[in-house]
Amino acid sequence: MASPPILSLALPSNTGRVLSIQSHTVQGYVGNKSAVFPLQLLGYDVDPINSVQFSNHTGYPTFKGQVLNGRELLDLIEGLEANNLLYYTHLLTGYIGSDSFLNSVLEVVDKLRLINPNLTYVCDPVMGDEGKLYVPEDLVSVYREKVVPVASMLTPNQFEAELLTKLRIGSEIDGRKACNILHAAGPLKVVITSINIEGNLLLIGSHLKDKKQAPEQFKIVIPKIPAYFTGTGDLMTALLLGWSNKFPDNLDKAAELAVSSLQALLQRTLNDYTSAGFDSESSSLEIRLIQSQDDIREPKLTFKAHKYT
């Protein structure tokens, strides 16, 4: 007589279970490689889906690999659903290269919220930086019209915030206005992760706690490090997810911790490359993620938020 099949069962997560849909590289730290480990260090169960699988990031002279299409994404989701494995507390998305895949992600949001209406969707709307688009132009309207309204927290950079709001950000007041425009479209938490104003680098955060009141807004002044790093945006969004879930009513505190972690990691990366004899200003640096795990798990609070009144 054949033995009955053993039933597989995933235990619920006490800290939070994150579905992270981002890119993956075999070597280096971008996308899921930059986000999954830090979230695990902060105590989260993380299930990654790799939107692309490349040998290395695209800043190198060449790369090889595969791209997941929207149908393949939904196949994975259906497999999870068939086994009652689709309960998540958080969804995290980063770089997405096509409108068809982005529309499939929107289907995933709907499915996850049917199972957990309290799902937190943290969206890094990766579209470009410093005036240059990384994605097809038609993705901008999909983000603006479809994705922003269903996001819980949005983490654009300055250029992406300008694309989403159609507002040029040339001052702190403009940055705060952009946050308000995005709040009106949907997300209660907005963090513009880097704004360059008159040579100064700022983060501006905004938390709309009550729709009848003005949002709580703050800034963090960030030092400029004379180097170019890859994967920092993906890491920053993961840290913001991790800390904002631990301090749900204090986005400024979460941002302080995230910025403090990231800056410590970047400084270590720069120091290590410099010690090894590399010119940090002539090439992009792979972040020293594994070597910085103490800074991720227990960051020293070296950056403080200044609240706007």
C-alpha atoms as a PDB file:
ATOM      1  CA  MET A   1       0.000   0.000   0.000  1.00  0.00           C
ATOM      2  CA  ALA A   2       1.438   3.350  -1.017  1.00  0.00           C
ATOM      3  CA  SER A   3       2.188   5.848   1.704  1.00  0.00           C
ATOM      4  CA  PRO A   4       0.012   8.970   1.718  1.00  0.00           C
ATOM      5  CA  PRO A   5       1.704  12.036   0.228  1.00  0.00           C
ATOM      6  CA  ILE A   6       3.471  14.314   2.693  1.00  0.00           C
ATOM      7  CA  LEU A   7       1.784  17.687   2.848  1.00  0.00           C
ATOM      8  CA  SER A   8       4.171  20.607   2.438  1.00  0.00           C
ATOM      9  CA  LEU A   9       3.301  23.648   4.481  1.00  0.00           C
ATOM     10  CA  ALA A  10       4.990  27.035   4.819  1.00  0.00           C
ATOM     11  CA  LEU A  11       4.792  28.520   8.302  1.00  0.00           C
ATOM     12  CA  PRO A  12       3.406  32.047   8.538  1.00  0.00           C
ATOM     13  CA  SER A  13       5.991  34.754   9.080  1.00  0.00           C
ATOM     14  CA  ASN A  14       5.867  36.664  12.358  1.00  0.00           C
ATOM     15  CA  THR A  15       8.000  39.496  10.990  1.00  0.00           C
ATOM     16  CA  GLY A  16       6.601  39.845   7.486  1.00  0.00           C
ATOM     17  CA  ARG A  17       6.792  38.000   4.170  1.00  0.00           C
ATOM     18  CA  VAL A  18       7.923  40.001   1.162  1.00  0.00           C
ATOM     19  CA  LEU A  19       7.432  39.107  -2.501  1.00  0.00           C
ATOM     20  CA  SER A  20      10.203  40.955  -4.346  1.00  0.00           C
ATOM     21  CA  ILE A  21       9.910  41.255  -8.143  1.00  0.00           C
ATOM     22  CA  GLN A  22      13.160  42.712  -9.443  1.00  0.00           C
ATOM     23  CA  SER A  23      16.144  42.039 -11.675  1.00  0.00           C
ATOM     24  CA  HIS A  24      18.887  39.543 -10.791  1.00  0.00           C
ATOM     25  CA  THR A  25      22.557  39.372 -11.682  1.00  0.00           C
ATOM     26  CA  VAL A  26      24.834  36.380 -11.220  1.00  0.00           C
ATOM     27  CA  GLN A  27      27.716  38.663 -10.243  1.00  0.00           C
ATOM     28  CA  GLY A  28      27.321  41.957  -8.421  1.00  0.00           C
ATOM     29  CA  TYR A  29      24.584  43.596  -6.392  1.00  0.00           C
ATOM     30  CA  VAL A  30      21.618  45.161  -8.141  1.00  0.00           C
ATOM     31  CA  GLY A  31      17.886  44.431  -8.016  1.00  0.00           C
ATOM     32  CA  ASN A  32      17.034  41.408  -5.905  1.00  0.00           C
ATOM     33  CA  LYS A  33      20.727  40.780  -5.195  1.00  0.00           C
ATOM     34  CA  SER A  34      20.792  44.197  -3.526  1.00  0.00           C
ATOM     35  CA  ALA A  35      17.414  43.949  -1.765  1.00  0.00           C
ATOM     36  CA  VAL A  36      16.803  40.388  -0.567  1.00  0.00           C
ATOM     37  CA  PHE A  37      19.771  39.933   1.796  1.00  0.00           C
ATOM     38  CA  PRO A  38      19.265  43.252   3.650  1.00  0.00           C
ATOM     39  CA  LEU A  39      15.583  42.476   4.202  1.00  0.00           C
ATOM     40  CA  GLN A  40      16.499  39.024   5.501  1.00  0.00           C
ATOM     41  CA  LEU A  41      19.007  40.618   7.873  1.00  0.00           C
ATOM     42  CA  LEU A  42      16.194  42.837   9.161  1.00  0.00           C
ATOM     43  CA  GLY A  43      14.118  39.739   9.913  1.00  0.00           C
ATOM     44  CA  TYR A  44      11.861  39.357   6.887  1.00  0.00           C
ATOM     45  CA  ASP A  45      11.079  36.236   4.898  1.00  0.00           C
ATOM     46  CA  VAL A  46      11.706  37.241   1.282  1.00  0.00           C
ATOM     47  CA  ASP A  47      10.589  35.366  -1.831  1.00  0.00           C
ATOM     48  CA  PRO A  48      12.312  36.756  -4.938  1.00  0.00           C
ATOM     49  CA  ILE A  49      11.015  36.607  -8.493  1.00  0.00           C
ATOM     50  CA  ASN A  50      13.722  37.625 -10.954  1.00  0.00           C
ATOM     51  CA  SER A  51      12.322  39.793 -13.739  1.00  0.00           C
ATOM     52  CA  VAL A  52      15.605  39.305 -15.592  1.00  0.00           C
ATOM     53  CA  GLN A  53      18.563  37.025 -14.993  1.00  0.00           C
ATOM     54  CA  PHE A  54      21.769  38.523 -16.348  1.00  0.00           C
ATOM     55  CA  SER A  55      25.411  37.569 -15.961  1.00  0.00           C
ATOM     56  CA  ASN A  56      26.193  41.047 -14.618  1.00  0.00           C
ATOM     57  CA  HIS A  57      24.630  44.504 -14.639  1.00  0.00           C
ATOM     58  CA  THR A  58      24.370  46.412 -17.895  1.00  0.00           C
ATOM     59  CA  GLY A  59      27.078  48.920 -16.984  1.00  0.00           C
ATOM     60  CA  TYR A  60      29.707  46.378 -18.036  1.00  0.00           C
ATOM     61  CA  PRO A  61      30.827  46.203 -21.710  1.00  0.00           C
ATOM     62  CA  THR A  62      28.659  43.089 -22.311  1.00  0.00           C
ATOM     63  CA  PHE A  63      26.075  40.977 -20.530  1.00  0.00           C
ATOM     64  CA  LYS A  64      24.164  37.757 -21.246  1.00  0.00           C
ATOM     65  CA  GLY A  65      20.983  36.356 -19.837  1.00  0.00           C
ATOM     66  CA  GLN A  66      17.245  35.917 -19.952  1.00  0.00           C
ATOM     67  CA  VAL A  67      14.208  38.160 -19.528  1.00  0.00           C
ATOM     68  CA  LEU A  68      11.032  36.955 -17.816  1.00  0.00           C
ATOM     69  CA  ASN A  69       7.865  37.904 -19.663  1.00  0.00           C
ATOM     70  CA  GLY A  70       4.475  38.750 -18.171  1.00  0.00           C
ATOM     71  CA  ARG A  71       2.975  35.324 -18.888  1.00  0.00           C
ATOM     72  CA  GLU A  72       5.891  33.604 -17.154  1.00  0.00           C
ATOM     73  CA  LEU A  73       5.452  35.868 -14.124  1.00  0.00           C
ATOM     74  CA  LEU A  74       1.779  34.920 -13.871  1.00  0.00           C
ATOM     75  CA  ASP A  75       2.682  31.220 -14.224  1.00  0.00           C
ATOM     76  CA  LEU A  76       4.842  31.516 -11.097  1.00  0.00           C
ATOM     77  CA  ILE A  77       2.053  33.330  -9.255  1.00  0.00           C
ATOM     78  CA  GLU A  78      -0.469  30.644 -10.273  1.00  0.00           C
ATOM     79  CA  GLY A  79       1.879  27.949  -8.971  1.00  0.00           C
ATOM     80  CA  LEU A  80       2.079  29.698  -5.607  1.00  0.00           C
ATOM     81  CA  GLU A  81      -1.685  30.230  -5.557  1.00  0.00           C
ATOM     82  CA  ALA A  82      -2.421  26.563  -6.319  1.00  0.00           C
ATOM     83  CA  ASN A  83      -0.513  25.590  -3.183  1.00  0.00           C
ATOM     84  CA  ASN A  84      -1.962  28.310  -0.926  1.00  0.00           C
ATOM     85  CA  LEU A  85       1.409  30.076  -0.845  1.00  0.00           C
ATOM     86  CA  LEU A  86       0.271  33.501  -1.974  1.00  0.00           C
ATOM     87  CA  TYR A  87      -0.114  35.245   1.387  1.00  0.00           C
ATOM     88  CA  TYR A  88       2.295  38.184   1.579  1.00  0.00           C
ATOM     89  CA  THR A  89       2.468  41.187   3.883  1.00  0.00           C
ATOM     90  CA  HIS A  90       4.549  43.192   1.364  1.00  0.00           C
ATOM     91  CA  LEU A  91       5.140  43.422  -2.360  1.00  0.00           C
ATOM     92  CA  LEU A  92       8.340  45.116  -3.534  1.00  0.00           C
ATOM     93  CA  THR A  93       8.998  46.024  -7.173  1.00  0.00           C
ATOM     94  CA  GLY A  94      11.978  47.660  -8.846  1.00  0.00           C
ATOM     95  CA  TYR A  95      13.215  47.783 -12.435  1.00  0.00           C
ATOM     96  CA  ILE A  96      10.636  46.595 -14.969  1.00  0.00           C
ATOM     97  CA  GLY A  97      11.503  46.890 -18.641  1.00  0.00           C
ATOM     98  CA  SER A  98       8.220  46.506 -20.542  1.00  0.00           C
ATOM     99  CA  ASP A  99       4.617  47.651 -20.253  1.00  0.00           C
ATOM    100  CA  SER A 100       3.345  44.066 -20.667  1.00  0.00           C
ATOM    101  CA  PHE A 101       5.352  42.929 -17.630  1.00  0.00           C
ATOM    102  CA  LEU A 102       4.272  45.987 -15.662  1.00  0.00           C
ATOM    103  CA  ASN A 103       0.628  45.229 -16.435  1.00  0.00           C
ATOM    104  CA  SER A 104       1.190  41.656 -15.225  1.00  0.00           C
ATOM    105  CA  VAL A 105       2.615  43.101 -11.987  1.00  0.00           C
ATOM    106  CA  LEU A 106      -0.639  45.023 -11.574  1.00  0.00           C
ATOM    107  CA  GLU A 107      -2.515  41.726 -11.862  1.00  0.00           C
ATOM    108  CA  VAL A 108      -0.258  40.350  -9.133  1.00  0.00           C
ATOM    109  CA  VAL A 109      -1.128  43.320  -6.888  1.00  0.00           C
ATOM    110  CA  ASP A 110      -4.834  42.556  -7.328  1.00  0.00           C
ATOM    111  CA  LYS A 111      -4.330  38.850  -6.551  1.00  0.00           C
ATOM    112  CA  LEU A 112      -2.270  39.542  -3.443  1.00  0.00           C
ATOM    113  CA  ARG A 113      -4.784  42.074  -2.114  1.00  0.00           C
ATOM    114  CA  LEU A 114      -7.655  39.615  -2.588  1.00  0.00           C
ATOM    115  CA  ILE A 115      -5.811  37.308  -0.184  1.00  0.00           C
ATOM    116  CA  ASN A 116      -4.462  40.037   2.120  1.00  0.00           C
ATOM    117  CA  PRO A 117      -6.328  43.348   1.793  1.00  0.00           C
ATOM    118  CA  ASN A 118      -3.714  44.937   4.082  1.00  0.00           C
ATOM    119  CA  LEU A 119      -0.839  44.201   1.686  1.00  0.00           C
ATOM    120  CA  THR A 120       1.769  46.971   1.632  1.00  0.00           C
ATOM    121  CA  TYR A 121       2.998  47.619  -1.914  1.00  0.00           C
ATOM    122  CA  VAL A 122       6.368  49.377  -1.977  1.00  0.00           C
ATOM    123  CA  CYS A 123       7.148  50.573  -5.490  1.00  0.00           C
ATOM    124  CA  ASP A 124      10.461  51.938  -6.725  1.00  0.00           C
ATOM    125  CA  PRO A 125       9.356  53.362 -10.101  1.00  0.00           C
ATOM    126  CA  VAL A 126      12.687  52.810 -11.856  1.00  0.00           C
ATOM    127  CA  MET A 127      12.495  54.821 -15.060  1.00  0.00           C
ATOM    128  CA  GLY A 128      15.680  56.853 -15.253  1.00  0.00           C
ATOM    129  CA  ASP A 129      17.966  59.359 -13.581  1.00  0.00           C
ATOM    130  CA  GLU A 130      19.520  62.767 -14.237  1.00  0.00           C
ATOM    131  CA  GLY A 131      17.261  63.452 -17.204  1.00  0.00           C
ATOM    132  CA  LYS A 132      17.825  60.120 -18.965  1.00  0.00           C
ATOM    133  CA  LEU A 133      15.146  57.435 -19.408  1.00  0.00           C
ATOM    134  CA  TYR A 134      16.171  53.801 -18.832  1.00  0.00           C
ATOM    135  CA  VAL A 135      12.828  52.382 -20.002  1.00  0.00           C
ATOM    136  CA  PRO A 136      10.482  52.790 -22.995  1.00  0.00           C
ATOM    137  CA  GLU A 137       8.645  56.108 -22.806  1.00  0.00           C
ATOM    138  CA  ASP A 138       5.206  54.465 -22.731  1.00  0.00           C
ATOM    139  CA  LEU A 139       6.005  52.998 -19.304  1.00  0.00           C
ATOM    140  CA  VAL A 140       5.860  56.476 -17.763  1.00  0.00           C
ATOM    141  CA  SER A 141       2.103  56.770 -18.319  1.00  0.00           C
ATOM    142  CA  VAL A 142       1.509  53.211 -17.059  1.00  0.00           C
ATOM    143  CA  TYR A 143       3.327  54.073 -13.830  1.00  0.00           C
ATOM    144  CA  ARG A 144       1.541  57.416 -13.515  1.00  0.00           C
ATOM    145  CA  GLU A 145      -1.977  56.200 -14.310  1.00  0.00           C
ATOM    146  CA  LYS A 146      -2.031  52.607 -13.047  1.00  0.00           C
ATOM    147  CA  VAL A 147       0.824  51.856 -10.648  1.00  0.00           C
ATOM    148  CA  VAL A 148       0.984  54.972  -8.472  1.00  0.00           C
ATOM    149  CA  PRO A 149      -2.721  54.701  -7.496  1.00  0.00           C
ATOM    150  CA  VAL A 150      -2.246  51.191  -6.046  1.00  0.00           C
ATOM    151  CA  ALA A 151       1.130  51.760  -4.324  1.00  0.00           C
ATOM    152  CA  SER A 152       1.360  52.128  -0.539  1.00  0.00           C
ATOM    153  CA  MET A 153       4.826  53.672  -0.604  1.00  0.00           C
ATOM    154  CA  LEU A 154       6.643  55.211  -3.553  1.00  0.00           C
ATOM    155  CA  THR A 155      10.423  55.801  -3.699  1.00  0.00           C
ATOM    156  CA  PRO A 156      11.275  57.775  -6.863  1.00  0.00           C
ATOM    157  CA  ASN A 157      14.430  59.763  -7.437  1.00  0.00           C
ATOM    158  CA  GLN A 158      14.169  63.402  -8.513  1.00  0.00           C
ATOM    159  CA  PHE A 159      13.855  62.683 -12.245  1.00  0.00           C
ATOM    160  CA  GLU A 160      11.245  59.961 -11.691  1.00  0.00           C
ATOM    161  CA  ALA A 161       9.215  62.202  -9.365  1.00  0.00           C
ATOM    162  CA  GLU A 162       9.267  64.885 -12.073  1.00  0.00           C
ATOM    163  CA  LEU A 163       8.042  62.375 -14.679  1.00  0.00           C
ATOM    164  CA  LEU A 164       5.219  61.155 -12.450  1.00  0.00           C
ATOM    165  CA  THR A 165       4.026  64.606 -11.361  1.00  0.00           C
ATOM    166  CA  LYS A 166       4.877  66.633 -14.512  1.00  0.00           C
ATOM    167  CA  LEU A 167       6.463  69.119 -12.114  1.00  0.00           C
ATOM    168  CA  ARG A 168      10.037  70.306 -12.391  1.00  0.00           C
ATOM    169  CA  ILE A 169      11.709  70.083  -8.984  1.00  0.00           C
ATOM    170  CA  GLY A 170      14.082  72.996  -8.509  1.00  0.00           C
ATOM    171  CA  SER A 171      13.627  73.670  -4.805  1.00  0.00           C
ATOM    172  CA  GLU A 172      12.631  72.023  -1.544  1.00  0.00           C
ATOM    173  CA  ILE A 173       9.160  73.547  -1.919  1.00  0.00           C
ATOM    174  CA  ASP A 174       8.866  71.854  -5.312  1.00  0.00           C
ATOM    175  CA  GLY A 175       9.918  68.552  -3.771  1.00  0.00           C
ATOM    176  CA  ARG A 176       7.220  68.850  -1.134  1.00  0.00           C
ATOM    177  CA  LYS A 177       4.650  69.785  -3.792  1.00  0.00           C
ATOM    178  CA  ALA A 178       5.623  66.696  -5.793  1.00  0.00           C
ATOM    179  CA  CYS A 179       5.008  64.549  -2.708  1.00  0.00           C
ATOM    180  CA  ASN A 180       1.566  66.118  -2.296  1.00  0.00           C
ATOM    181  CA  ILE A 181       0.691  65.428  -5.941  1.00  0.00           C
ATOM    182  CA  LEU A 182       1.706  61.786  -5.493  1.00  0.00           C
ATOM    183  CA  HIS A 183      -0.300  61.502  -2.240  1.00  0.00           C
ATOM    184  CA  ALA A 184      -3.367  62.754  -4.095  1.00  0.00           C
ATOM    185  CA  ALA A 185      -2.885  59.969  -6.637  1.00  0.00           C
ATOM    186  CA  GLY A 186      -2.699  57.172  -4.053  1.00  0.00           C
ATOM    187  CA  PRO A 187       0.329  56.349  -1.871  1.00  0.00           C
ATOM    188  CA  LEU A 188       0.294  57.472   1.758  1.00  0.00           C
ATOM    189  CA  LYS A 189       4.099  57.363   1.995  1.00  0.00           C
ATOM    190  CA  VAL A 190       6.425  59.018  -0.506  1.00  0.00           C
ATOM    191  CA  VAL A 191      10.195  59.255  -0.280  1.00  0.00           C
ATOM    192  CA  ILE A 192      12.048  61.136  -3.006  1.00  0.00           C
ATOM    193  CA  THR A 193      15.349  59.430  -2.373  1.00  0.00           C
ATOM    194  CA  SER A 194      17.689  61.981  -3.954  1.00  0.00           C
ATOM    195  CA  ILE A 195      17.113  65.589  -4.967  1.00  0.00           C
ATOM    196  CA  ASN A 196      19.971  67.761  -6.198  1.00  0.00           C
ATOM    197  CA  ILE A 197      19.270  71.396  -5.351  1.00  0.00           C
ATOM    198  CA  GLU A 198      21.973  74.010  -5.893  1.00  0.00           C
ATOM    199  CA  GLY A 199      24.697  71.434  -5.413  1.00  0.00           C
ATOM    200  CA  ASN A 200      23.172  69.947  -2.260  1.00  0.00           C
ATOM    201  CA  LEU A 201      21.828  66.397  -2.118  1.00  0.00           C
ATOM    202  CA  LEU A 202      18.611  65.853  -0.164  1.00  0.00           C
ATOM    203  CA  LEU A 203      16.090  63.162   0.612  1.00  0.00           C
ATOM    204  CA  ILE A 204      12.538  64.457   1.062  1.00  0.00           C
ATOM    205  CA  GLY A 205       9.963  62.234   2.752  1.00  0.00           C
ATOM    206  CA  SER A 206       6.234  62.673   3.239  1.00  0.00           C
ATOM    207  CA  HIS A 207       3.664  60.667   5.218  1.00  0.00           C
ATOM    208  CA  LEU A 208      -0.040  61.343   4.784  1.00  0.00           C
ATOM    209  CA  LYS A 209      -1.423  59.954   8.040  1.00  0.00           C
ATOM    210  CA  ASP A 210      -4.843  61.595   7.770  1.00  0.00           C
ATOM    211  CA  LYS A 211      -6.361  62.646   4.453  1.00  0.00           C
ATOM    212  CA  LYS A 212      -8.067  65.545   6.216  1.00  0.00           C
ATOM    213  CA  GLN A 213      -4.718  66.969   7.346  1.00  0.00           C
ATOM    214  CA  ALA A 214      -1.470  67.999   5.712  1.00  0.00           C
ATOM    215  CA  PRO A 215       1.185  65.271   5.452  1.00  0.00           C
ATOM    216  CA  GLU A 216       4.142  65.146   7.813  1.00  0.00           C
ATOM    217  CA  GLN A 217       7.178  66.078   5.720  1.00  0.00           C
ATOM    218  CA  PHE A 218      10.908  66.065   6.383  1.00  0.00           C
ATOM    219  CA  LYS A 219      14.292  66.214   4.721  1.00  0.00           C
ATOM    220  CA  ILE A 220      17.639  64.545   5.288  1.00  0.00           C
ATOM    221  CA  VAL A 221      20.801  66.208   3.992  1.00  0.00           C
ATOM    222  CA  ILE A 222      23.024  63.603   2.341  1.00  0.00           C
ATOM    223  CA  PRO A 223      26.758  64.047   1.711  1.00  0.00           C
ATOM    224  CA  LYS A 224      28.002  63.634  -1.832  1.00  0.00           C
ATOM    225  CA  ILE A 225      30.500  60.795  -2.178  1.00  0.00           C
ATOM    226  CA  PRO A 226      32.883  61.248  -5.142  1.00  0.00           C
ATOM    227  CA  ALA A 227      32.089  57.910  -6.796  1.00  0.00           C
ATOM    228  CA  TYR A 228      29.384  56.131  -8.814  1.00  0.00           C
ATOM    229  CA  PHE A 229      27.798  53.032  -7.299  1.00  0.00           C
ATOM    230  CA  THR A 230      25.358  50.475  -8.709  1.00  0.00           C
ATOM    231  CA  GLY A 231      22.428  48.967  -6.806  1.00  0.00           C
ATOM    232  CA  THR A 232      22.057  51.789  -4.297  1.00  0.00           C
ATOM    233  CA  GLY A 233      18.484  52.675  -5.244  1.00  0.00           C
ATOM    234  CA  ASP A 234      17.377  49.047  -4.929  1.00  0.00           C
ATOM    235  CA  LEU A 235      19.073  48.794  -1.542  1.00  0.00           C
ATOM    236  CA  MET A 236      17.592  52.083  -0.325  1.00  0.00           C
ATOM    237  CA  THR A 237      14.038  51.041  -1.166  1.00  0.00           C
ATOM    238  CA  ALA A 238      14.532  47.691   0.585  1.00  0.00           C
ATOM    239  CA  LEU A 239      15.846  49.457   3.691  1.00  0.00           C
ATOM    240  CA  LEU A 240      12.912  51.891   3.643  1.00  0.00           C
ATOM    241  CA  LEU A 241      10.489  48.960   3.446  1.00  0.00           C
ATOM    242  CA  GLY A 242      12.258  47.155   6.278  1.00  0.00           C
ATOM    243  CA  TRP A 243      12.484  50.075   8.684  1.00  0.00           C
ATOM    244  CA  SER A 244       9.121  51.701   7.864  1.00  0.00           C
ATOM    245  CA  ASN A 245       7.386  48.448   8.727  1.00  0.00           C
ATOM    246  CA  LYS A 246       9.161  48.452  12.110  1.00  0.00           C
ATOM    247  CA  PHE A 247       8.264  52.139  12.653  1.00  0.00           C
ATOM    248  CA  PRO A 248       4.948  52.434  10.762  1.00  0.00           C
ATOM    249  CA  ASP A 249       4.059  55.850  12.203  1.00  0.00           C
ATOM    250  CA  ASN A 250       7.548  57.343  11.961  1.00  0.00           C
ATOM    251  CA  LEU A 251       8.653  57.509   8.337  1.00  0.00           C
ATOM    252  CA  ASP A 252      11.309  60.041   9.343  1.00  0.00           C
ATOM    253  CA  LYS A 253      12.845  57.537  11.790  1.00  0.00           C
ATOM    254  CA  ALA A 254      12.772  54.809   9.137  1.00  0.00           C
ATOM    255  CA  ALA A 255      14.469  57.126   6.649  1.00  0.00           C
ATOM    256  CA  GLU A 256      17.147  58.093   9.184  1.00  0.00           C
ATOM    257  CA  LEU A 257      18.013  54.437   9.712  1.00  0.00           C
ATOM    258  CA  ALA A 258      17.927  53.641   5.988  1.00  0.00           C
ATOM    259  CA  VAL A 259      20.160  56.588   5.059  1.00  0.00           C
ATOM    260  CA  SER A 260      22.574  55.845   7.919  1.00  0.00           C
ATOM    261  CA  SER A 261      22.904  52.216   6.751  1.00  0.00           C
ATOM    262  CA  LEU A 262      23.371  53.138   3.118  1.00  0.00           C
ATOM    263  CA  GLN A 263      25.938  55.858   3.742  1.00  0.00           C
ATOM    264  CA  ALA A 264      28.015  53.592   5.992  1.00  0.00           C
ATOM    265  CA  LEU A 265      27.963  50.913   3.287  1.00  0.00           C
ATOM    266  CA  LEU A 266      28.955  53.373   0.552  1.00  0.00           C
ATOM    267  CA  GLN A 267      31.817  54.734   2.621  1.00  0.00           C
ATOM    268  CA  ARG A 268      33.082  51.200   3.255  1.00  0.00           C
ATOM    269  CA  THR A 269      32.809  50.426  -0.462  1.00  0.00           C
ATOM    270  CA  LEU A 270      34.777  53.541  -1.378  1.00  0.00           C
ATOM    271  CA  ASN A 271      37.438  52.828   1.252  1.00  0.00           C
ATOM    272  CA  ASP A 272      37.857  49.213   0.102  1.00  0.00           C
ATOM    273  CA  TYR A 273      38.210  50.167  -3.568  1.00  0.00           C
ATOM    274  CA  THR A 274      40.638  52.971  -2.721  1.00  0.00           C
ATOM    275  CA  SER A 275      42.719  50.621  -0.552  1.00  0.00           C
ATOM    276  CA  ALA A 276      42.860  48.166  -3.451  1.00  0.00           C
ATOM    277  CA  GLY A 277      44.275  50.879  -5.718  1.00  0.00           C
ATOM    278  CA  PHE A 278      41.196  51.606  -7.856  1.00  0.00           C
ATOM    279  CA  ASP A 279      40.290  55.078  -9.082  1.00  0.00           C
ATOM    280  CA  SER A 280      36.800  55.465  -7.658  1.00  0.00           C
ATOM    281  CA  GLU A 281      35.892  58.329 -10.002  1.00  0.00           C
ATOM    282  CA  SER A 282      36.650  56.507 -13.259  1.00  0.00           C
ATOM    283  CA  SER A 283      34.397  53.447 -12.896  1.00  0.00           C
ATOM    284  CA  SER A 284      31.218  52.291 -11.172  1.00  0.00           C
ATOM    285  CA  LEU A 285      31.756  50.438  -7.906  1.00  0.00           C
ATOM    286  CA  GLU A 286      30.031  47.215  -6.846  1.00  0.00           C
ATOM    287  CA  ILE A 287      28.678  47.788  -3.342  1.00  0.00           C
ATOM    288  CA  ARG A 288      30.241  45.871  -0.441  1.00  0.00           C
ATOM    289  CA  LEU A 289      26.960  44.418   0.765  1.00  0.00           C
ATOM    290  CA  ILE A 290      28.150  41.318   2.617  1.00  0.00           C
ATOM    291  CA  GLN A 291      30.947  43.226   4.332  1.00  0.00           C
ATOM    292  CA  SER A 292      28.422  45.824   5.583  1.00  0.00           C
ATOM    293  CA  GLN A 293      25.856  43.563   7.187  1.00  0.00           C
ATOM    294  CA  ASP A 294      26.406  45.004  10.683  1.00  0.00           C
ATOM    295  CA  ASP A 295      25.584  48.467   9.297  1.00  0.00           C
ATOM    296  CA  ILE A 296      22.358  47.035   7.869  1.00  0.00           C
ATOM    297  CA  ARG A 297      21.281  45.079  10.926  1.00  0.00           C
ATOM    298  CA  GLU A 298      22.187  47.698  13.539  1.00  0.00           C
ATOM    299  CA  PRO A 299      22.974  51.028  11.889  1.00  0.00           C
ATOM    300  CA  LYS A 300      24.563  53.846  13.849  1.00  0.00           C
ATOM    301  CA  LEU A 301      22.166  56.764  13.561  1.00  0.00           C
ATOM    302  CA  THR A 302      24.462  59.302  11.911  1.00  0.00           C
ATOM    303  CA  PHE A 303      21.862  61.150   9.829  1.00  0.00           C
ATOM    304  CA  LYS A 304      18.937  63.073  11.272  1.00  0.00           C
ATOM    305  CA  ALA A 305      15.671  64.134   9.668  1.00  0.00           C
ATOM    306  CA  HIS A 306      14.625  67.778   9.836  1.00  0.00           C
ATOM    307  CA  LYS A 307      10.859  68.156   9.955  1.00  0.00           C
ATOM    308  CA  TYR A 308       9.141  70.813   7.904  1.00  0.00           C
ATOM    309  CA  THR A 309       6.607  72.895   9.810  1.00  0.00           C
END
